[in-house]
Amino acid sequence: MNKTSGLLVSMEDSFDSLMSRGLPKLHKDIKTAMVESLEAFKNRTNEEQTKSLETFSDNVEVTLNKTSGIITSIETGFEDFIKLSQMDLASVKNETETIHDLLVEKLTVSTRRKHIIL
């Protein structure tokens, strides 16, 4: 259960991180960069415009890579959580079957003893 809880907390943290630093920031960064670039373009030469576009493109790519990394982290955490929950269910099922078998065995032995006594 601690492992499951830990994975859930990790996934929640990753999701919070994605929402706080990922998607909204990406949207804001792109919008800001586009506005700044367009305003700056008016007074720049072709060379300066090309360099500005390359910088803008690099910044967007870096931000996208960070966001992609966070999403991958969430996906991996979710897959681990599913595997762990399936393992936990399997072990619970095994334990339940073992307990059931023991109970049946004890009842059978107890019933035999009663028949012997009678």
N, C-alpha and C. Protein backbone atom coordinates (compact mmCIF):
# COMPACT_ATOMS: atom_id res chain seq x y z
N MET A 1 0.83 -1.20 0.00
CA MET A 1 0.00 0.00 0.00
C MET A 1 0.87 1.26 0.00
N ASN A 2 2.01 1.20 0.70
CA ASN A 2 2.89 2.38 0.72
C ASN A 2 3.44 2.68 -0.66
N LYS A 3 3.76 1.60 -1.39
CA LYS A 3 4.27 1.80 -2.76
C LYS A 3 3.20 2.45 -3.62
N THR A 4 1.97 1.95 -3.50
CA THR A 4 0.86 2.50 -4.28
C THR A 4 0.65 3.97 -3.93
N SER A 5 0.64 4.27 -2.64
CA SER A 5 0.45 5.64 -2.17
C SER A 5 1.56 6.54 -2.69
N GLY A 6 2.80 6.04 -2.62
CA GLY A 6 3.95 6.82 -3.10
C GLY A 6 3.85 7.13 -4.58
N LEU A 7 3.42 6.14 -5.36
CA LEU A 7 3.27 6.36 -6.81
C LEU A 7 2.17 7.38 -7.09
N LEU A 8 1.07 7.29 -6.34
CA LEU A 8 -0.02 8.25 -6.55
C LEU A 8 0.44 9.67 -6.24
N VAL A 9 1.17 9.83 -5.14
CA VAL A 9 1.69 11.15 -4.77
C VAL A 9 2.63 11.66 -5.85
N SER A 10 3.50 10.76 -6.34
CA SER A 10 4.44 11.13 -7.40
C SER A 10 3.70 11.57 -8.66
N MET A 11 2.63 10.83 -9.02
CA MET A 11 1.86 11.18 -10.21
C MET A 11 1.15 12.52 -10.02
N GLU A 12 0.60 12.73 -8.81
CA GLU A 12 -0.08 14.01 -8.54
C GLU A 12 0.90 15.16 -8.62
N ASP A 13 2.12 14.96 -8.05
CA ASP A 13 3.14 16.01 -8.11
C ASP A 13 3.53 16.30 -9.56
N SER A 14 3.70 15.24 -10.35
CA SER A 14 4.06 15.43 -11.76
C SER A 14 2.96 16.17 -12.50
N PHE A 15 1.71 15.81 -12.22
CA PHE A 15 0.58 16.46 -12.88
C PHE A 15 0.51 17.93 -12.48
N ASP A 16 0.68 18.20 -11.16
CA ASP A 16 0.69 19.59 -10.68
C ASP A 16 1.81 20.36 -11.35
N SER A 17 2.97 19.72 -11.47
CA SER A 17 4.12 20.35 -12.12
C SER A 17 3.81 20.67 -13.57
N LEU A 18 3.17 19.71 -14.24
CA LEU A 18 2.80 19.92 -15.64
C LEU A 18 1.85 21.10 -15.77
N MET A 19 0.85 21.15 -14.90
CA MET A 19 -0.15 22.21 -14.99
C MET A 19 0.43 23.57 -14.59
N SER A 20 1.29 23.58 -13.57
CA SER A 20 1.80 24.88 -13.11
C SER A 20 2.97 25.39 -13.95
N ARG A 21 3.87 24.47 -14.37
CA ARG A 21 5.04 24.92 -15.11
C ARG A 21 5.00 24.56 -16.58
N GLY A 22 4.14 23.61 -16.92
CA GLY A 22 4.14 23.09 -18.28
C GLY A 22 3.23 23.83 -19.23
N LEU A 23 2.00 23.38 -19.32
CA LEU A 23 1.09 23.88 -20.36
C LEU A 23 0.79 25.37 -20.28
N PRO A 24 0.35 25.90 -19.11
CA PRO A 24 0.07 27.35 -19.07
C PRO A 24 1.31 28.19 -19.39
N LYS A 25 2.47 27.76 -18.86
CA LYS A 25 3.70 28.52 -19.11
C LYS A 25 4.08 28.43 -20.59
N LEU A 26 3.92 27.26 -21.16
CA LEU A 26 4.23 27.08 -22.58
C LEU A 26 3.37 28.03 -23.42
N HIS A 27 2.09 28.07 -23.12
CA HIS A 27 1.17 28.95 -23.85
C HIS A 27 1.59 30.42 -23.69
N LYS A 28 1.90 30.79 -22.45
CA LYS A 28 2.29 32.18 -22.17
C LYS A 28 3.61 32.52 -22.86
N ASP A 29 4.59 31.60 -22.76
CA ASP A 29 5.90 31.82 -23.39
C ASP A 29 5.77 32.02 -24.89
N ILE A 30 4.98 31.16 -25.51
CA ILE A 30 4.82 31.25 -26.97
C ILE A 30 4.14 32.57 -27.34
N LYS A 31 3.08 32.90 -26.60
CA LYS A 31 2.34 34.14 -26.90
C LYS A 31 3.25 35.37 -26.71
N THR A 32 3.97 35.39 -25.59
CA THR A 32 4.88 36.52 -25.31
C THR A 32 5.96 36.63 -26.38
N ALA A 33 6.58 35.50 -26.68
CA ALA A 33 7.66 35.50 -27.68
C ALA A 33 7.15 35.94 -29.04
N MET A 34 5.95 35.52 -29.40
CA MET A 34 5.39 35.90 -30.70
C MET A 34 5.13 37.40 -30.76
N VAL A 35 4.53 37.94 -29.71
CA VAL A 35 4.24 39.38 -29.67
C VAL A 35 5.54 40.18 -29.73
N GLU A 36 6.53 39.76 -28.88
CA GLU A 36 7.81 40.48 -28.86
C GLU A 36 8.51 40.39 -30.22
N SER A 37 8.49 39.20 -30.79
CA SER A 37 9.15 39.01 -32.08
C SER A 37 8.51 39.86 -33.17
N LEU A 38 7.18 39.88 -33.21
CA LEU A 38 6.49 40.65 -34.23
C LEU A 38 6.75 42.15 -34.09
N GLU A 39 6.75 42.63 -32.86
CA GLU A 39 7.02 44.06 -32.63
C GLU A 39 8.45 44.40 -33.01
N ALA A 40 9.38 43.51 -32.65
CA ALA A 40 10.79 43.76 -32.93
C ALA A 40 11.11 43.65 -34.42
N PHE A 41 10.34 42.86 -35.14
CA PHE A 41 10.58 42.66 -36.56
C PHE A 41 10.49 43.95 -37.36
N LYS A 42 9.63 44.83 -36.93
CA LYS A 42 9.41 46.07 -37.68
C LYS A 42 10.69 46.87 -37.91
N ASN A 43 11.58 46.86 -36.91
CA ASN A 43 12.78 47.70 -36.98
C ASN A 43 14.07 46.91 -37.22
N ARG A 44 13.98 45.65 -37.61
CA ARG A 44 15.19 44.84 -37.77
C ARG A 44 15.48 44.54 -39.24
N THR A 45 16.76 44.25 -39.47
CA THR A 45 17.17 43.83 -40.81
C THR A 45 16.78 42.35 -40.99
N ASN A 46 16.92 41.87 -42.22
CA ASN A 46 16.60 40.46 -42.51
C ASN A 46 17.43 39.50 -41.65
N GLU A 47 18.72 39.79 -41.50
CA GLU A 47 19.60 38.93 -40.70
C GLU A 47 19.13 38.86 -39.25
N GLU A 48 18.81 40.03 -38.70
CA GLU A 48 18.35 40.09 -37.31
C GLU A 48 17.00 39.36 -37.15
N GLN A 49 16.14 39.49 -38.14
CA GLN A 49 14.85 38.81 -38.09
C GLN A 49 15.04 37.29 -38.10
N THR A 50 15.94 36.82 -38.95
CA THR A 50 16.20 35.37 -39.04
C THR A 50 16.74 34.85 -37.71
N LYS A 51 17.71 35.58 -37.13
CA LYS A 51 18.30 35.17 -35.85
C LYS A 51 17.23 35.14 -34.75
N SER A 52 16.37 36.13 -34.73
CA SER A 52 15.31 36.21 -33.73
C SER A 52 14.36 35.02 -33.85
N LEU A 53 14.02 34.66 -35.09
CA LEU A 53 13.15 33.51 -35.32
C LEU A 53 13.79 32.21 -34.85
N GLU A 54 15.09 32.07 -35.08
CA GLU A 54 15.80 30.86 -34.65
C GLU A 54 15.80 30.75 -33.12
N THR A 55 16.04 31.87 -32.44
CA THR A 55 16.03 31.89 -30.98
C THR A 55 14.64 31.53 -30.46
N PHE A 56 13.63 32.11 -31.05
CA PHE A 56 12.25 31.84 -30.67
C PHE A 56 11.94 30.34 -30.84
N SER A 57 12.35 29.80 -31.98
CA SER A 57 12.12 28.39 -32.28
C SER A 57 12.83 27.49 -31.26
N ASP A 58 14.07 27.84 -30.90
CA ASP A 58 14.82 27.06 -29.91
C ASP A 58 14.12 27.09 -28.55
N ASN A 59 13.65 28.28 -28.16
CA ASN A 59 12.97 28.42 -26.87
C ASN A 59 11.71 27.56 -26.80
N VAL A 60 10.93 27.58 -27.88
CA VAL A 60 9.71 26.78 -27.93
C VAL A 60 10.06 25.30 -27.85
N GLU A 61 11.11 24.89 -28.57
CA GLU A 61 11.51 23.48 -28.58
C GLU A 61 11.94 23.02 -27.19
N VAL A 62 12.71 23.85 -26.47
CA VAL A 62 13.16 23.52 -25.11
C VAL A 62 11.96 23.35 -24.20
N THR A 63 11.02 24.29 -24.27
CA THR A 63 9.82 24.23 -23.43
C THR A 63 8.99 23.00 -23.76
N LEU A 64 8.85 22.68 -25.04
CA LEU A 64 8.11 21.48 -25.45
C LEU A 64 8.78 20.22 -24.93
N ASN A 65 10.11 20.17 -24.98
CA ASN A 65 10.85 19.01 -24.48
C ASN A 65 10.63 18.82 -22.99
N LYS A 66 10.64 19.93 -22.23
CA LYS A 66 10.40 19.85 -20.78
C LYS A 66 9.00 19.32 -20.51
N THR A 67 8.02 19.86 -21.23
CA THR A 67 6.62 19.43 -21.06
C THR A 67 6.49 17.96 -21.42
N SER A 68 7.12 17.55 -22.52
CA SER A 68 7.08 16.16 -22.95
C SER A 68 7.69 15.25 -21.87
N GLY A 69 8.77 15.70 -21.25
CA GLY A 69 9.42 14.93 -20.17
C GLY A 69 8.49 14.73 -18.99
N ILE A 70 7.76 15.77 -18.64
CA ILE A 70 6.82 15.68 -17.51
C ILE A 70 5.69 14.72 -17.86
N ILE A 71 5.19 14.82 -19.09
CA ILE A 71 4.10 13.92 -19.53
C ILE A 71 4.59 12.47 -19.51
N THR A 72 5.80 12.23 -20.00
CA THR A 72 6.37 10.87 -19.98
C THR A 72 6.47 10.36 -18.56
N SER A 73 6.88 11.24 -17.63
CA SER A 73 6.98 10.87 -16.22
C SER A 73 5.63 10.45 -15.67
N ILE A 74 4.58 11.18 -16.03
CA ILE A 74 3.22 10.84 -15.57
C ILE A 74 2.80 9.50 -16.16
N GLU A 75 3.06 9.30 -17.46
CA GLU A 75 2.67 8.04 -18.11
C GLU A 75 3.38 6.86 -17.46
N THR A 76 4.69 7.01 -17.21
CA THR A 76 5.46 5.93 -16.58
C THR A 76 4.93 5.65 -15.19
N GLY A 77 4.66 6.71 -14.43
CA GLY A 77 4.10 6.55 -13.09
C GLY A 77 2.77 5.83 -13.12
N PHE A 78 1.95 6.17 -14.10
CA PHE A 78 0.63 5.54 -14.21
C PHE A 78 0.77 4.06 -14.55
N GLU A 79 1.69 3.75 -15.48
CA GLU A 79 1.92 2.34 -15.84
C GLU A 79 2.42 1.56 -14.63
N ASP A 80 3.35 2.16 -13.87
CA ASP A 80 3.87 1.50 -12.66
C ASP A 80 2.74 1.28 -11.66
N PHE A 81 1.87 2.28 -11.53
CA PHE A 81 0.74 2.19 -10.60
C PHE A 81 -0.18 1.03 -10.99
N ILE A 82 -0.48 0.93 -12.30
CA ILE A 82 -1.35 -0.15 -12.78
C ILE A 82 -0.70 -1.52 -12.49
N LYS A 83 0.59 -1.65 -12.83
CA LYS A 83 1.28 -2.91 -12.58
C LYS A 83 1.25 -3.26 -11.09
N LEU A 84 1.54 -2.26 -10.26
CA LEU A 84 1.57 -2.47 -8.81
C LEU A 84 0.20 -2.86 -8.29
N SER A 85 -0.83 -2.18 -8.77
CA SER A 85 -2.18 -2.48 -8.29
C SER A 85 -2.58 -3.89 -8.72
N GLN A 86 -2.17 -4.31 -9.91
CA GLN A 86 -2.47 -5.66 -10.36
C GLN A 86 -1.72 -6.68 -9.51
N MET A 87 -0.46 -6.37 -9.17
CA MET A 87 0.31 -7.27 -8.32
C MET A 87 -0.35 -7.38 -6.95
N ASP A 88 -0.76 -6.25 -6.41
CA ASP A 88 -1.40 -6.24 -5.10
C ASP A 88 -2.68 -7.07 -5.12
N LEU A 89 -3.47 -6.90 -6.19
CA LEU A 89 -4.71 -7.67 -6.31
C LEU A 89 -4.40 -9.16 -6.41
N ALA A 90 -3.37 -9.49 -7.16
CA ALA A 90 -3.00 -10.90 -7.31
C ALA A 90 -2.56 -11.49 -5.98
N SER A 91 -1.75 -10.74 -5.22
CA SER A 91 -1.28 -11.26 -3.93
C SER A 91 -2.44 -11.38 -2.94
N VAL A 92 -3.36 -10.42 -2.96
CA VAL A 92 -4.53 -10.50 -2.09
C VAL A 92 -5.36 -11.73 -2.46
N LYS A 93 -5.52 -11.97 -3.76
CA LYS A 93 -6.29 -13.12 -4.22
C LYS A 93 -5.62 -14.42 -3.75
N ASN A 94 -4.29 -14.49 -3.89
CA ASN A 94 -3.55 -15.68 -3.44
C ASN A 94 -3.72 -15.90 -1.95
N GLU A 95 -3.59 -14.82 -1.18
CA GLU A 95 -3.75 -14.93 0.27
C GLU A 95 -5.16 -15.37 0.62
N THR A 96 -6.16 -14.82 -0.07
CA THR A 96 -7.55 -15.18 0.19
C THR A 96 -7.78 -16.66 -0.11
N GLU A 97 -7.23 -17.13 -1.23
CA GLU A 97 -7.37 -18.54 -1.59
C GLU A 97 -6.70 -19.43 -0.56
N THR A 98 -5.51 -19.01 -0.07
CA THR A 98 -4.80 -19.78 0.95
C THR A 98 -5.62 -19.86 2.23
N ILE A 99 -6.16 -18.72 2.66
CA ILE A 99 -6.99 -18.68 3.87
C ILE A 99 -8.22 -19.57 3.68
N HIS A 100 -8.83 -19.48 2.51
CA HIS A 100 -10.02 -20.31 2.22
C HIS A 100 -9.66 -21.80 2.31
N ASP A 101 -8.53 -22.19 1.71
CA ASP A 101 -8.10 -23.59 1.75
C ASP A 101 -7.87 -24.05 3.18
N LEU A 102 -7.22 -23.21 3.99
CA LEU A 102 -6.96 -23.56 5.39
C LEU A 102 -8.26 -23.74 6.16
N LEU A 103 -9.21 -22.83 5.92
CA LEU A 103 -10.51 -22.93 6.61
C LEU A 103 -11.23 -24.22 6.24
N VAL A 104 -11.22 -24.52 4.95
CA VAL A 104 -11.88 -25.76 4.49
C VAL A 104 -11.21 -26.98 5.14
N GLU A 105 -9.87 -26.94 5.17
CA GLU A 105 -9.13 -28.05 5.77
C GLU A 105 -9.49 -28.21 7.25
N LYS A 106 -9.52 -27.10 7.98
CA LYS A 106 -9.85 -27.15 9.41
C LYS A 106 -11.27 -27.65 9.62
N LEU A 107 -12.20 -27.17 8.81
CA LEU A 107 -13.59 -27.61 8.93
C LEU A 107 -13.72 -29.10 8.64
N THR A 108 -12.99 -29.56 7.64
CA THR A 108 -13.03 -30.99 7.27
C THR A 108 -12.49 -31.84 8.42
N VAL A 109 -11.35 -31.42 8.97
CA VAL A 109 -10.75 -32.15 10.09
C VAL A 109 -11.70 -32.14 11.28
N SER A 110 -12.27 -30.98 11.56
CA SER A 110 -13.21 -30.85 12.68
C SER A 110 -14.43 -31.74 12.47
N THR A 111 -14.95 -31.78 11.27
CA THR A 111 -16.12 -32.61 10.96
C THR A 111 -15.77 -34.09 11.11
N ARG A 112 -14.60 -34.51 10.66
CA ARG A 112 -14.16 -35.89 10.79
C ARG A 112 -14.08 -36.27 12.27
N ARG A 113 -13.53 -35.39 13.10
CA ARG A 113 -13.39 -35.67 14.53
C ARG A 113 -14.77 -35.88 15.16
N LYS A 114 -15.72 -35.03 14.77
CA LYS A 114 -17.07 -35.16 15.32
C LYS A 114 -17.67 -36.52 14.93
N HIS A 115 -17.44 -36.93 13.68
CA HIS A 115 -17.95 -38.23 13.23
C HIS A 115 -17.31 -39.36 14.02
N ILE A 116 -16.02 -39.21 14.29
CA ILE A 116 -15.29 -40.24 15.05
C ILE A 116 -15.86 -40.33 16.47
N ILE A 117 -16.09 -39.16 17.09
CA ILE A 117 -16.62 -39.11 18.45
C ILE A 117 -18.02 -39.72 18.49
N LEU A 118 -18.85 -39.40 17.52
CA LEU A 118 -20.21 -39.94 17.49
C LEU A 118 -20.15 -41.43 17.24
